[in-house]
Amino acid sequence: TLDVEYDRVSCQYPGKTLLLKVLEDSRYNSYLSMQFLHQAGSYDITAVQVFDDENLEWLPCLRAYGAVWNLSKPPKGPLTVKFLLDGGPCAPAPILVSQWI
């Protein structure tokens, strides 16, 4: 056996802000796949939720791998997305994705 030790490295993206990309394998109203880009700092995104305006509830997304999160049967129309970091109780303001058709 081989013992492996990992260290978290703080990433920096000068001049860039956090970006949420809707991935090409998404299918409007049946499947949503999204990826966070340019995530600076040493924290990990541990939870992502999308707001369902029709039922007035937050829907939890599943982490597919790395910074990619998926949701089956996402709500129709514009999306409001929020996420939680592992570095503390701080939850950033929701992100609005207006068009992802």
PDB file of N, CA and C in Angstrom:
ATOM      1  N   THR A   1       0.835  -1.184   0.000  1.00  0.00           N
ATOM      2  CA  THR A   1       0.000   0.000   0.000  1.00  0.00           C
ATOM      3  C   THR A   1       0.875   1.240   0.000  1.00  0.00           C
ATOM      4  N   LEU A   2       0.273   2.315  -0.440  1.00  0.00           N
ATOM      5  CA  LEU A   2       0.967   3.588  -0.535  1.00  0.00           C
ATOM      6  C   LEU A   2       0.101   4.650   0.121  1.00  0.00           C
ATOM      7  N   ASP A   3       0.640   5.336   1.104  1.00  0.00           N
ATOM      8  CA  ASP A   3      -0.093   6.420   1.750  1.00  0.00           C
ATOM      9  C   ASP A   3       0.039   7.676   0.897  1.00  0.00           C
ATOM     10  N   VAL A   4      -1.096   8.310   0.620  1.00  0.00           N
ATOM     11  CA  VAL A   4      -1.113   9.533  -0.174  1.00  0.00           C
ATOM     12  C   VAL A   4      -1.703  10.635   0.683  1.00  0.00           C
ATOM     13  N   GLU A   5      -1.061  11.789   0.664  1.00  0.00           N
ATOM     14  CA  GLU A   5      -1.546  12.931   1.432  1.00  0.00           C
ATOM     15  C   GLU A   5      -1.840  14.069   0.461  1.00  0.00           C
ATOM     16  N   TYR A   6      -3.019  14.658   0.606  1.00  0.00           N
ATOM     17  CA  TYR A   6      -3.429  15.752  -0.259  1.00  0.00           C
ATOM     18  C   TYR A   6      -3.414  17.052   0.529  1.00  0.00           C
ATOM     19  N   ASP A   7      -3.018  18.139  -0.128  1.00  0.00           N
ATOM     20  CA  ASP A   7      -3.079  19.471   0.459  1.00  0.00           C
ATOM     21  C   ASP A   7      -3.960  20.335  -0.425  1.00  0.00           C
ATOM     22  N   ARG A   8      -4.855  21.081   0.209  1.00  0.00           N
ATOM     23  CA  ARG A   8      -5.690  22.018  -0.537  1.00  0.00           C
ATOM     24  C   ARG A   8      -4.850  23.251  -0.853  1.00  0.00           C
ATOM     25  N   VAL A   9      -4.920  23.695  -2.090  1.00  0.00           N
ATOM     26  CA  VAL A   9      -4.165  24.858  -2.530  1.00  0.00           C
ATOM     27  C   VAL A   9      -5.145  25.983  -2.821  1.00  0.00           C
ATOM     28  N   SER A  10      -4.863  27.159  -2.295  1.00  0.00           N
ATOM     29  CA  SER A  10      -5.711  28.317  -2.537  1.00  0.00           C
ATOM     30  C   SER A  10      -5.514  28.796  -3.973  1.00  0.00           C
ATOM     31  N   CYS A  11      -6.591  28.823  -4.743  1.00  0.00           N
ATOM     32  CA  CYS A  11      -6.524  29.246  -6.142  1.00  0.00           C
ATOM     33  C   CYS A  11      -6.840  30.734  -6.258  1.00  0.00           C
ATOM     34  N   GLN A  12      -6.202  31.388  -7.190  1.00  0.00           N
ATOM     35  CA  GLN A  12      -6.455  32.802  -7.452  1.00  0.00           C
ATOM     36  C   GLN A  12      -6.704  32.989  -8.943  1.00  0.00           C
ATOM     37  N   TYR A  13      -7.690  33.822  -9.276  1.00  0.00           N
ATOM     38  CA  TYR A  13      -8.007  34.132 -10.661  1.00  0.00           C
ATOM     39  C   TYR A  13      -8.104  35.648 -10.784  1.00  0.00           C
ATOM     40  N   PRO A  14      -6.971  36.349 -10.865  1.00  0.00           N
ATOM     41  CA  PRO A  14      -6.979  37.815 -10.909  1.00  0.00           C
ATOM     42  C   PRO A  14      -7.837  38.344 -12.054  1.00  0.00           C
ATOM     43  N   GLY A  15      -8.690  39.307 -11.735  1.00  0.00           N
ATOM     44  CA  GLY A  15      -9.534  39.935 -12.741  1.00  0.00           C
ATOM     45  C   GLY A  15     -10.741  39.124 -13.152  1.00  0.00           C
ATOM     46  N   LYS A  16     -10.972  37.990 -12.508  1.00  0.00           N
ATOM     47  CA  LYS A  16     -12.120  37.147 -12.868  1.00  0.00           C
ATOM     48  C   LYS A  16     -13.013  36.949 -11.655  1.00  0.00           C
ATOM     49  N   THR A  17     -14.295  36.788 -11.913  1.00  0.00           N
ATOM     50  CA  THR A  17     -15.251  36.513 -10.848  1.00  0.00           C
ATOM     51  C   THR A  17     -15.820  35.113 -11.044  1.00  0.00           C
ATOM     52  N   LEU A  18     -16.474  34.619 -10.023  1.00  0.00           N
ATOM     53  CA  LEU A  18     -17.080  33.292 -10.092  1.00  0.00           C
ATOM     54  C   LEU A  18     -18.083  33.245 -11.235  1.00  0.00           C
ATOM     55  N   LEU A  19     -18.017  32.196 -12.018  1.00  0.00           N
ATOM     56  CA  LEU A  19     -18.869  32.043 -13.192  1.00  0.00           C
ATOM     57  C   LEU A  19     -19.602  30.715 -13.099  1.00  0.00           C
ATOM     58  N   LEU A  20     -20.887  30.721 -13.416  1.00  0.00           N
ATOM     59  CA  LEU A  20     -21.678  29.497 -13.451  1.00  0.00           C
ATOM     60  C   LEU A  20     -21.997  29.197 -14.911  1.00  0.00           C
ATOM     61  N   LYS A  21     -21.511  28.060 -15.393  1.00  0.00           N
ATOM     62  CA  LYS A  21     -21.702  27.671 -16.791  1.00  0.00           C
ATOM     63  C   LYS A  21     -22.700  26.526 -16.869  1.00  0.00           C
ATOM     64  N   VAL A  22     -23.724  26.696 -17.707  1.00  0.00           N
ATOM     65  CA  VAL A  22     -24.658  25.603 -17.984  1.00  0.00           C
ATOM     66  C   VAL A  22     -24.011  24.757 -19.078  1.00  0.00           C
ATOM     67  N   LEU A  23     -23.798  23.487 -18.786  1.00  0.00           N
ATOM     68  CA  LEU A  23     -23.070  22.608 -19.702  1.00  0.00           C
ATOM     69  C   LEU A  23     -23.936  22.121 -20.861  1.00  0.00           C
ATOM     70  N   GLU A  24     -23.252  21.734 -21.926  1.00  0.00           N
ATOM     71  CA  GLU A  24     -23.910  21.360 -23.180  1.00  0.00           C
ATOM     72  C   GLU A  24     -24.830  20.153 -23.057  1.00  0.00           C
ATOM     73  N   ASP A  25     -24.591  19.275 -22.089  1.00  0.00           N
ATOM     74  CA  ASP A  25     -25.451  18.091 -21.970  1.00  0.00           C
ATOM     75  C   ASP A  25     -26.773  18.388 -21.260  1.00  0.00           C
ATOM     76  N   SER A  26     -27.001  19.649 -20.883  1.00  0.00           N
ATOM     77  CA  SER A  26     -28.276  20.033 -20.266  1.00  0.00           C
ATOM     78  C   SER A  26     -29.388  19.978 -21.304  1.00  0.00           C
ATOM     79  N   ARG A  27     -30.569  19.611 -20.853  1.00  0.00           N
ATOM     80  CA  ARG A  27     -31.756  19.564 -21.707  1.00  0.00           C
ATOM     81  C   ARG A  27     -32.855  20.330 -20.992  1.00  0.00           C
ATOM     82  N   TYR A  28     -33.292  21.438 -21.607  1.00  0.00           N
ATOM     83  CA  TYR A  28     -34.263  22.314 -20.967  1.00  0.00           C
ATOM     84  C   TYR A  28     -35.459  21.529 -20.443  1.00  0.00           C
ATOM     85  N   ASN A  29     -35.765  21.770 -19.194  1.00  0.00           N
ATOM     86  CA  ASN A  29     -36.918  21.223 -18.490  1.00  0.00           C
ATOM     87  C   ASN A  29     -36.819  19.730 -18.167  1.00  0.00           C
ATOM     88  N   SER A  30     -35.690  19.079 -18.474  1.00  0.00           N
ATOM     89  CA  SER A  30     -35.575  17.674 -18.084  1.00  0.00           C
ATOM     90  C   SER A  30     -34.263  17.367 -17.365  1.00  0.00           C
ATOM     91  N   TYR A  31     -33.195  18.111 -17.662  1.00  0.00           N
ATOM     92  CA  TYR A  31     -31.901  17.828 -17.031  1.00  0.00           C
ATOM     93  C   TYR A  31     -31.034  19.082 -17.061  1.00  0.00           C
ATOM     94  N   LEU A  32     -30.454  19.408 -15.929  1.00  0.00           N
ATOM     95  CA  LEU A  32     -29.578  20.570 -15.821  1.00  0.00           C
ATOM     96  C   LEU A  32     -28.215  20.121 -15.320  1.00  0.00           C
ATOM     97  N   SER A  33     -27.181  20.493 -16.034  1.00  0.00           N
ATOM     98  CA  SER A  33     -25.806  20.212 -15.633  1.00  0.00           C
ATOM     99  C   SER A  33     -25.059  21.540 -15.648  1.00  0.00           C
ATOM    100  N   MET A  34     -24.432  21.900 -14.528  1.00  0.00           N
ATOM    101  CA  MET A  34     -23.756  23.194 -14.441  1.00  0.00           C
ATOM    102  C   MET A  34     -22.417  23.054 -13.744  1.00  0.00           C
ATOM    103  N   GLN A  35     -21.524  23.980 -14.083  1.00  0.00           N
ATOM    104  CA  GLN A  35     -20.167  23.941 -13.548  1.00  0.00           C
ATOM    105  C   GLN A  35     -19.772  25.329 -13.069  1.00  0.00           C
ATOM    106  N   PHE A  36     -19.144  25.373 -11.892  1.00  0.00           N
ATOM    107  CA  PHE A  36     -18.625  26.626 -11.366  1.00  0.00           C
ATOM    108  C   PHE A  36     -17.196  26.802 -11.863  1.00  0.00           C
ATOM    109  N   LEU A  37     -16.904  27.988 -12.409  1.00  0.00           N
ATOM    110  CA  LEU A  37     -15.577  28.304 -12.923  1.00  0.00           C
ATOM    111  C   LEU A  37     -14.994  29.490 -12.162  1.00  0.00           C
ATOM    112  N   HIS A  38     -13.694  29.566 -12.078  1.00  0.00           N
ATOM    113  CA  HIS A  38     -12.961  30.661 -11.435  1.00  0.00           C
ATOM    114  C   HIS A  38     -13.294  30.788  -9.956  1.00  0.00           C
ATOM    115  N   GLN A  39     -13.398  29.677  -9.257  1.00  0.00           N
ATOM    116  CA  GLN A  39     -13.675  29.699  -7.822  1.00  0.00           C
ATOM    117  C   GLN A  39     -12.362  29.944  -7.082  1.00  0.00           C
ATOM    118  N   ALA A  40     -12.201  31.163  -6.595  1.00  0.00           N
ATOM    119  CA  ALA A  40     -10.969  31.537  -5.901  1.00  0.00           C
ATOM    120  C   ALA A  40     -11.038  31.130  -4.434  1.00  0.00           C
ATOM    121  N   GLY A  41      -9.872  31.072  -3.798  1.00  0.00           N
ATOM    122  CA  GLY A  41      -9.814  30.754  -2.374  1.00  0.00           C
ATOM    123  C   GLY A  41      -9.539  29.287  -2.131  1.00  0.00           C
ATOM    124  N   SER A  42      -9.606  28.915  -0.871  1.00  0.00           N
ATOM    125  CA  SER A  42      -9.282  27.537  -0.491  1.00  0.00           C
ATOM    126  C   SER A  42     -10.506  26.769  -0.015  1.00  0.00           C
ATOM    127  N   TYR A  43     -11.701  27.273  -0.333  1.00  0.00           N
ATOM    128  CA  TYR A  43     -12.926  26.611   0.104  1.00  0.00           C
ATOM    129  C   TYR A  43     -13.520  25.782  -1.022  1.00  0.00           C
ATOM    130  N   ASP A  44     -14.314  24.801  -0.639  1.00  0.00           N
ATOM    131  CA  ASP A  44     -14.978  23.925  -1.591  1.00  0.00           C
ATOM    132  C   ASP A  44     -16.472  24.214  -1.560  1.00  0.00           C
ATOM    133  N   ILE A  45     -17.123  24.142  -2.712  1.00  0.00           N
ATOM    134  CA  ILE A  45     -18.584  24.250  -2.755  1.00  0.00           C
ATOM    135  C   ILE A  45     -19.121  22.885  -2.349  1.00  0.00           C
ATOM    136  N   THR A  46     -19.887  22.849  -1.261  1.00  0.00           N
ATOM    137  CA  THR A  46     -20.352  21.571  -0.714  1.00  0.00           C
ATOM    138  C   THR A  46     -21.825  21.292  -0.986  1.00  0.00           C
ATOM    139  N   ALA A  47     -22.579  22.291  -1.379  1.00  0.00           N
ATOM    140  CA  ALA A  47     -24.003  22.092  -1.674  1.00  0.00           C
ATOM    141  C   ALA A  47     -24.457  23.148  -2.674  1.00  0.00           C
ATOM    142  N   VAL A  48     -25.328  22.747  -3.592  1.00  0.00           N
ATOM    143  CA  VAL A  48     -25.907  23.652  -4.584  1.00  0.00           C
ATOM    144  C   VAL A  48     -27.400  23.381  -4.623  1.00  0.00           C
ATOM    145  N   GLN A  49     -28.188  24.462  -4.686  1.00  0.00           N
ATOM    146  CA  GLN A  49     -29.640  24.331  -4.759  1.00  0.00           C
ATOM    147  C   GLN A  49     -30.190  25.277  -5.820  1.00  0.00           C
ATOM    148  N   VAL A  50     -31.281  24.855  -6.462  1.00  0.00           N
ATOM    149  CA  VAL A  50     -31.984  25.656  -7.460  1.00  0.00           C
ATOM    150  C   VAL A  50     -33.388  25.902  -6.935  1.00  0.00           C
ATOM    151  N   PHE A  51     -33.856  27.166  -7.029  1.00  0.00           N
ATOM    152  CA  PHE A  51     -35.174  27.500  -6.493  1.00  0.00           C
ATOM    153  C   PHE A  51     -36.273  27.177  -7.494  1.00  0.00           C
ATOM    154  N   ASP A  52     -37.315  26.508  -7.010  1.00  0.00           N
ATOM    155  CA  ASP A  52     -38.495  26.168  -7.806  1.00  0.00           C
ATOM    156  C   ASP A  52     -39.578  27.193  -7.479  1.00  0.00           C
ATOM    157  N   ASP A  53     -39.794  28.163  -8.390  1.00  0.00           N
ATOM    158  CA  ASP A  53     -40.787  29.221  -8.166  1.00  0.00           C
ATOM    159  C   ASP A  53     -42.203  28.676  -8.045  1.00  0.00           C
ATOM    160  N   GLU A  54     -42.485  27.601  -8.760  1.00  0.00           N
ATOM    161  CA  GLU A  54     -43.836  27.042  -8.768  1.00  0.00           C
ATOM    162  C   GLU A  54     -44.219  26.448  -7.415  1.00  0.00           C
ATOM    163  N   ASN A  55     -43.300  25.731  -6.786  1.00  0.00           N
ATOM    164  CA  ASN A  55     -43.574  25.080  -5.498  1.00  0.00           C
ATOM    165  C   ASN A  55     -42.952  25.800  -4.309  1.00  0.00           C
ATOM    166  N   LEU A  56     -42.272  26.919  -4.589  1.00  0.00           N
ATOM    167  CA  LEU A  56     -41.636  27.732  -3.545  1.00  0.00           C
ATOM    168  C   LEU A  56     -40.721  26.917  -2.641  1.00  0.00           C
ATOM    169  N   GLU A  57     -39.807  26.158  -3.280  1.00  0.00           N
ATOM    170  CA  GLU A  57     -38.860  25.356  -2.508  1.00  0.00           C
ATOM    171  C   GLU A  57     -37.516  25.294  -3.230  1.00  0.00           C
ATOM    172  N   TRP A  58     -36.466  25.055  -2.439  1.00  0.00           N
ATOM    173  CA  TRP A  58     -35.127  24.876  -2.983  1.00  0.00           C
ATOM    174  C   TRP A  58     -34.919  23.398  -3.300  1.00  0.00           C
ATOM    175  N   LEU A  59     -34.458  23.108  -4.523  1.00  0.00           N
ATOM    176  CA  LEU A  59     -34.208  21.733  -4.959  1.00  0.00           C
ATOM    177  C   LEU A  59     -32.710  21.442  -4.867  1.00  0.00           C
ATOM    178  N   PRO A  60     -32.318  20.380  -4.171  1.00  0.00           N
ATOM    179  CA  PRO A  60     -30.893  20.068  -4.044  1.00  0.00           C
ATOM    180  C   PRO A  60     -30.335  19.453  -5.331  1.00  0.00           C
ATOM    181  N   CYS A  61     -29.144  19.879  -5.692  1.00  0.00           N
ATOM    182  CA  CYS A  61     -28.439  19.311  -6.839  1.00  0.00           C
ATOM    183  C   CYS A  61     -27.489  18.226  -6.349  1.00  0.00           C
ATOM    184  N   LEU A  62     -27.107  17.351  -7.240  1.00  0.00           N
ATOM    185  CA  LEU A  62     -26.146  16.291  -6.927  1.00  0.00           C
ATOM    186  C   LEU A  62     -24.804  16.631  -7.558  1.00  0.00           C
ATOM    187  N   ARG A  63     -23.734  16.409  -6.813  1.00  0.00           N
ATOM    188  CA  ARG A  63     -22.399  16.634  -7.368  1.00  0.00           C
ATOM    189  C   ARG A  63     -22.052  15.452  -8.271  1.00  0.00           C
ATOM    190  N   ALA A  64     -21.822  15.745  -9.544  1.00  0.00           N
ATOM    191  CA  ALA A  64     -21.449  14.702 -10.502  1.00  0.00           C
ATOM    192  C   ALA A  64     -19.967  14.372 -10.342  1.00  0.00           C
ATOM    193  N   TYR A  65     -19.148  15.404 -10.373  1.00  0.00           N
ATOM    194  CA  TYR A  65     -17.702  15.277 -10.180  1.00  0.00           C
ATOM    195  C   TYR A  65     -17.125  16.691 -10.097  1.00  0.00           C
ATOM    196  N   GLY A  66     -16.058  16.865  -9.354  1.00  0.00           N
ATOM    197  CA  GLY A  66     -15.387  18.163  -9.265  1.00  0.00           C
ATOM    198  C   GLY A  66     -16.346  19.307  -9.001  1.00  0.00           C
ATOM    199  N   ALA A  67     -16.358  20.280  -9.910  1.00  0.00           N
ATOM    200  CA  ALA A  67     -17.207  21.461  -9.771  1.00  0.00           C
ATOM    201  C   ALA A  67     -18.488  21.352 -10.589  1.00  0.00           C
ATOM    202  N   VAL A  68     -18.835  20.139 -11.036  1.00  0.00           N
ATOM    203  CA  VAL A  68     -20.028  19.920 -11.864  1.00  0.00           C
ATOM    204  C   VAL A  68     -21.163  19.392 -11.000  1.00  0.00           C
ATOM    205  N   TRP A  69     -22.321  20.049 -11.113  1.00  0.00           N
ATOM    206  CA  TRP A  69     -23.513  19.698 -10.338  1.00  0.00           C
ATOM    207  C   TRP A  69     -24.665  19.447 -11.294  1.00  0.00           C
ATOM    208  N   ASN A  70     -25.540  18.481 -10.963  1.00  0.00           N
ATOM    209  CA  ASN A  70     -26.654  18.081 -11.827  1.00  0.00           C
ATOM    210  C   ASN A  70     -27.982  18.153 -11.089  1.00  0.00           C
ATOM    211  N   LEU A  71     -29.036  18.335 -11.874  1.00  0.00           N
ATOM    212  CA  LEU A  71     -30.392  18.317 -11.332  1.00  0.00           C
ATOM    213  C   LEU A  71     -31.323  17.735 -12.385  1.00  0.00           C
ATOM    214  N   SER A  72     -32.023  16.666 -12.031  1.00  0.00           N
ATOM    215  CA  SER A  72     -33.043  16.106 -12.912  1.00  0.00           C
ATOM    216  C   SER A  72     -34.332  16.879 -12.702  1.00  0.00           C
ATOM    217  N   LYS A  73     -35.055  17.110 -13.772  1.00  0.00           N
ATOM    218  CA  LYS A  73     -36.328  17.826 -13.742  1.00  0.00           C
ATOM    219  C   LYS A  73     -36.200  19.200 -13.078  1.00  0.00           C
ATOM    220  N   PRO A  74     -35.337  20.080 -13.617  1.00  0.00           N
ATOM    221  CA  PRO A  74     -35.215  21.424 -13.057  1.00  0.00           C
ATOM    222  C   PRO A  74     -36.469  22.241 -13.338  1.00  0.00           C
ATOM    223  N   PRO A  75     -36.682  23.324 -12.585  1.00  0.00           N
ATOM    224  CA  PRO A  75     -37.861  24.156 -12.818  1.00  0.00           C
ATOM    225  C   PRO A  75     -37.786  24.854 -14.180  1.00  0.00           C
ATOM    226  N   LYS A  76     -38.936  25.247 -14.694  1.00  0.00           N
ATOM    227  CA  LYS A  76     -39.011  25.957 -15.968  1.00  0.00           C
ATOM    228  C   LYS A  76     -38.596  27.408 -15.770  1.00  0.00           C
ATOM    229  N   GLY A  77     -38.163  28.033 -16.858  1.00  0.00           N
ATOM    230  CA  GLY A  77     -37.850  29.455 -16.836  1.00  0.00           C
ATOM    231  C   GLY A  77     -36.502  29.776 -16.216  1.00  0.00           C
ATOM    232  N   PRO A  78     -36.335  31.054 -15.823  1.00  0.00           N
ATOM    233  CA  PRO A  78     -35.069  31.491 -15.220  1.00  0.00           C
ATOM    234  C   PRO A  78     -34.761  30.705 -13.950  1.00  0.00           C
ATOM    235  N   LEU A  79     -33.483  30.516 -13.688  1.00  0.00           N
ATOM    236  CA  LEU A  79     -33.058  29.750 -12.519  1.00  0.00           C
ATOM    237  C   LEU A  79     -32.423  30.660 -11.483  1.00  0.00           C
ATOM    238  N   THR A  80     -32.732  30.412 -10.227  1.00  0.00           N
ATOM    239  CA  THR A  80     -32.038  31.053  -9.121  1.00  0.00           C
ATOM    240  C   THR A  80     -31.252  29.955  -8.423  1.00  0.00           C
ATOM    241  N   VAL A  81     -29.935  30.156  -8.335  1.00  0.00           N
ATOM    242  CA  VAL A  81     -29.037  29.136  -7.797  1.00  0.00           C
ATOM    243  C   VAL A  81     -28.322  29.692  -6.577  1.00  0.00           C
ATOM    244  N   LYS A  82     -28.221  28.876  -5.521  1.00  0.00           N
ATOM    245  CA  LYS A  82     -27.410  29.274  -4.368  1.00  0.00           C
ATOM    246  C   LYS A  82     -26.507  28.108  -3.993  1.00  0.00           C
ATOM    247  N   PHE A  83     -25.422  28.431  -3.284  1.00  0.00           N
ATOM    248  CA  PHE A  83     -24.482  27.378  -2.908  1.00  0.00           C
ATOM    249  C   PHE A  83     -23.905  27.654  -1.539  1.00  0.00           C
ATOM    250  N   LEU A  84     -23.345  26.609  -0.952  1.00  0.00           N
ATOM    251  CA  LEU A  84     -22.773  26.666   0.386  1.00  0.00           C
ATOM    252  C   LEU A  84     -21.304  26.278   0.306  1.00  0.00           C
ATOM    253  N   LEU A  85     -20.477  27.011   1.054  1.00  0.00           N
ATOM    254  CA  LEU A  85     -19.044  26.726   1.104  1.00  0.00           C
ATOM    255  C   LEU A  85     -18.712  25.966   2.369  1.00  0.00           C
ATOM    256  N   ASP A  86     -17.663  25.148   2.316  1.00  0.00           N
ATOM    257  CA  ASP A  86     -17.261  24.391   3.502  1.00  0.00           C
ATOM    258  C   ASP A  86     -16.473  25.227   4.498  1.00  0.00           C
ATOM    259  N   GLY A  87     -16.070  26.419   4.122  1.00  0.00           N
ATOM    260  CA  GLY A  87     -15.239  27.232   4.990  1.00  0.00           C
ATOM    261  C   GLY A  87     -15.984  28.003   6.051  1.00  0.00           C
ATOM    262  N   GLY A  88     -17.286  27.875   6.125  1.00  0.00           N
ATOM    263  CA  GLY A  88     -18.036  28.595   7.136  1.00  0.00           C
ATOM    264  C   GLY A  88     -19.500  28.677   6.790  1.00  0.00           C
ATOM    265  N   PRO A  89     -20.245  29.348   7.657  1.00  0.00           N
ATOM    266  CA  PRO A  89     -21.691  29.415   7.474  1.00  0.00           C
ATOM    267  C   PRO A  89     -22.136  30.389   6.398  1.00  0.00           C
ATOM    268  N   CYS A  90     -21.209  31.071   5.773  1.00  0.00           N
ATOM    269  CA  CYS A  90     -21.542  32.088   4.777  1.00  0.00           C
ATOM    270  C   CYS A  90     -22.142  31.456   3.526  1.00  0.00           C
ATOM    271  N   ALA A  91     -23.308  31.912   3.142  1.00  0.00           N
ATOM    272  CA  ALA A  91     -23.931  31.458   1.896  1.00  0.00           C
ATOM    273  C   ALA A  91     -24.030  32.664   0.974  1.00  0.00           C
ATOM    274  N   PRO A  92     -23.356  32.651  -0.168  1.00  0.00           N
ATOM    275  CA  PRO A  92     -23.394  33.787  -1.085  1.00  0.00           C
ATOM    276  C   PRO A  92     -24.803  34.068  -1.583  1.00  0.00           C
ATOM    277  N   ALA A  93     -24.994  35.278  -2.086  1.00  0.00           N
ATOM    278  CA  ALA A  93     -26.283  35.667  -2.658  1.00  0.00           C
ATOM    279  C   ALA A  93     -26.603  34.756  -3.835  1.00  0.00           C
ATOM    280  N   PRO A  94     -27.883  34.519  -4.080  1.00  0.00           N
ATOM    281  CA  PRO A  94     -28.268  33.642  -5.194  1.00  0.00           C
ATOM    282  C   PRO A  94     -27.787  34.166  -6.545  1.00  0.00           C
ATOM    283  N   ILE A  95     -27.520  33.261  -7.448  1.00  0.00           N
ATOM    284  CA  ILE A  95     -27.116  33.581  -8.817  1.00  0.00           C
ATOM    285  C   ILE A  95     -28.337  33.357  -9.699  1.00  0.00           C
ATOM    286  N   LEU A  96     -28.622  34.312 -10.572  1.00  0.00           N
ATOM    287  CA  LEU A  96     -29.767  34.185 -11.470  1.00  0.00           C
ATOM    288  C   LEU A  96     -29.278  33.811 -12.864  1.00  0.00           C
ATOM    289  N   VAL A  97     -29.774  32.707 -13.382  1.00  0.00           N
ATOM    290  CA  VAL A  97     -29.467  32.272 -14.748  1.00  0.00           C
ATOM    291  C   VAL A  97     -30.733  32.510 -15.552  1.00  0.00           C
ATOM    292  N   SER A  98     -30.729  33.561 -16.399  1.00  0.00           N
ATOM    293  CA  SER A  98     -31.971  33.952 -17.051  1.00  0.00           C
ATOM    294  C   SER A  98     -32.316  33.116 -18.277  1.00  0.00           C
ATOM    295  N   GLN A  99     -31.313  32.680 -19.024  1.00  0.00           N
ATOM    296  CA  GLN A  99     -31.600  31.886 -20.219  1.00  0.00           C
ATOM    297  C   GLN A  99     -30.666  30.690 -20.264  1.00  0.00           C
ATOM    298  N   TRP A 100     -31.240  29.525 -20.354  1.00  0.00           N
ATOM    299  CA  TRP A 100     -30.410  28.320 -20.477  1.00  0.00           C
ATOM    300  C   TRP A 100     -31.041  27.320 -21.417  1.00  0.00           C
ATOM    301  N   ILE A 101     -31.921  27.819 -22.271  1.00  0.00           N
ATOM    302  CA  ILE A 101     -32.628  26.953 -23.219  1.00  0.00           C
ATOM    303  C   ILE A 101     -31.680  26.522 -24.323  1.00  0.00           C
TER     304      ILE A 101
END
